[in-house]
Protein backbone atom coordinates (compact mmCIF):
# COMPACT_ATOMS: atom_id res chain seq x y z
CA MET A 1 -99.40 101.22 -110.56
CA ILE A 2 -98.79 98.69 -113.34
CA LYS A 3 -98.87 94.98 -112.46
CA PRO A 4 -95.83 92.75 -113.01
CA GLU A 5 -95.08 91.74 -116.58
CA ILE A 6 -96.36 88.32 -117.67
CA SER A 7 -95.27 86.08 -120.49
CA TRP A 8 -97.23 85.51 -123.69
CA ASP A 9 -97.66 81.88 -122.58
CA VAL A 10 -99.50 83.03 -119.44
CA PHE A 11 -101.80 85.32 -121.47
CA GLU A 12 -102.59 82.49 -123.90
CA LYS A 13 -103.91 80.37 -121.01
CA LEU A 14 -106.81 82.81 -120.52
CA ASP A 15 -109.91 81.78 -122.46
CA ILE A 16 -111.65 85.11 -123.13
CA ARG A 17 -114.91 84.88 -125.09
CA SER A 18 -117.89 86.87 -126.32
CA GLY A 19 -121.29 86.13 -124.82
CA THR A 20 -124.78 87.57 -124.48
CA ILE A 21 -126.58 88.06 -121.17
CA ILE A 22 -129.88 86.17 -121.29
CA SER A 23 -131.08 86.66 -117.71
CA ALA A 24 -130.31 88.94 -114.76
CA SER A 25 -131.68 88.75 -111.24
CA ASP A 26 -130.99 90.37 -107.89
CA PHE A 27 -128.49 88.63 -105.62
CA PRO A 28 -129.40 89.71 -102.07
CA GLN A 29 -127.17 87.04 -100.47
CA ALA A 30 -124.01 88.57 -101.96
CA ARG A 31 -121.78 90.61 -99.65
CA ASN A 32 -121.67 93.51 -102.14
CA PRO A 33 -124.55 94.62 -104.41
CA SER A 34 -124.54 92.16 -107.31
CA TYR A 35 -126.62 90.47 -109.98
CA GLN A 36 -126.83 86.80 -110.84
CA LEU A 37 -126.43 86.51 -114.61
CA GLU A 38 -126.87 83.77 -117.18
CA ILE A 39 -124.73 84.25 -120.27
CA ASP A 40 -125.02 82.47 -123.62
CA PHE A 41 -121.58 81.52 -124.96
CA GLY A 42 -122.83 79.75 -128.09
CA ASP A 43 -121.22 76.33 -128.51
CA LEU A 44 -119.77 76.58 -124.97
CA GLY A 45 -123.29 76.71 -123.55
CA ILE A 46 -124.83 78.91 -120.89
CA LYS A 47 -122.70 79.94 -117.93
CA LYS A 48 -123.61 81.74 -114.72
CA SER A 49 -121.81 84.72 -113.24
CA SER A 50 -122.11 86.94 -110.20
CA ALA A 51 -121.35 90.53 -111.18
CA GLN A 52 -120.98 93.68 -109.08
CA ILE A 53 -122.40 95.94 -111.80
CA THR A 54 -125.53 97.28 -110.10
CA GLU A 55 -124.38 100.91 -109.98
CA LEU A 56 -124.46 101.54 -113.74
CA TYR A 57 -126.79 98.80 -115.00
CA SER A 58 -130.36 97.77 -114.32
CA LYS A 59 -131.37 94.14 -114.78
CA GLU A 60 -133.56 95.14 -117.72
CA ASN A 61 -130.69 96.96 -119.49
CA LEU A 62 -128.46 93.91 -119.22
CA ILE A 63 -130.70 91.46 -121.11
CA GLY A 64 -129.35 91.08 -124.65
CA LYS A 65 -126.10 92.95 -123.88
CA GLN A 66 -123.05 91.36 -125.43
CA ILE A 67 -120.13 91.04 -123.01
CA ILE A 68 -116.55 89.82 -122.83
CA ALA A 69 -115.70 87.24 -120.15
CA ILE A 70 -113.03 84.81 -119.00
CA VAL A 71 -114.58 81.35 -119.16
CA ASN A 72 -111.79 79.10 -117.87
CA PHE A 73 -111.39 80.25 -114.27
CA PRO A 74 -112.35 77.66 -111.65
CA LYS A 75 -115.97 77.91 -110.51
CA LYS A 76 -116.34 80.15 -107.45
CA GLN A 77 -118.94 79.73 -104.71
CA ILE A 78 -120.44 83.11 -103.78
CA ALA A 79 -123.01 82.71 -101.00
CA ASN A 80 -125.51 80.17 -102.41
CA PHE A 81 -124.47 80.72 -106.06
CA LEU A 82 -121.79 79.07 -108.21
CA SER A 83 -120.15 81.62 -110.52
CA GLU A 84 -118.72 79.98 -113.67
CA CYS A 85 -117.11 82.89 -115.52
CA LEU A 86 -115.79 86.41 -114.96
CA ILE A 87 -117.28 89.32 -116.89
CA LEU A 88 -114.61 91.88 -117.74
CA GLY A 89 -115.08 95.56 -117.03
CA VAL A 90 -113.34 98.84 -116.31
CA TYR A 91 -113.29 100.23 -112.76
CA GLY A 92 -114.24 103.92 -112.61
CA GLU A 93 -112.99 106.48 -110.13
CA ASN A 94 -115.74 105.52 -107.65
CA LYS A 95 -115.25 101.75 -108.19
CA GLU A 96 -118.29 101.55 -110.52
CA VAL A 97 -117.83 98.97 -113.28
CA THR A 98 -118.34 99.60 -116.99
CA ILE A 99 -118.73 96.29 -118.84
CA LEU A 100 -116.42 95.54 -121.75
CA THR A 101 -118.38 94.83 -124.91
CA THR A 102 -117.92 94.60 -128.66
CA THR A 103 -118.28 97.49 -131.12
CA PHE A 104 -120.42 95.37 -133.45
CA PRO A 105 -122.48 92.24 -132.70
CA VAL A 106 -120.47 89.03 -132.94
CA LYS A 107 -121.30 85.34 -132.60
CA ASN A 108 -121.49 84.16 -128.99
CA GLY A 109 -118.49 82.14 -127.87
CA LEU A 110 -115.90 83.62 -130.22
CA PRO A 111 -112.42 83.87 -128.67
CA ILE A 112 -110.81 87.22 -127.85
CA GLY A 113 -107.12 87.61 -128.51
């Protein structure tokens, strides 16, 4: 089912950027299996994110991976962790998440549009 149509103005309010994961750790306090990530967004700095991506990714495989994330959502408290951005991904048939990434390396913090 397709979601309701939005205006271009609504889309333009999303700040979607490239970043590189610099650390990944287990997040046992999360309700669903998750990692705590630190992501380098270049001039925007380092932001933290909680990500339910444990099914397809090990912590070791995530380090250095370039990702696409929304960086202007309000911070969200998840258990004892403050998530500052939302990594974008594709939900598979079994709800596993495949992270969106770039085809070629790009500078951290560049806008997506």
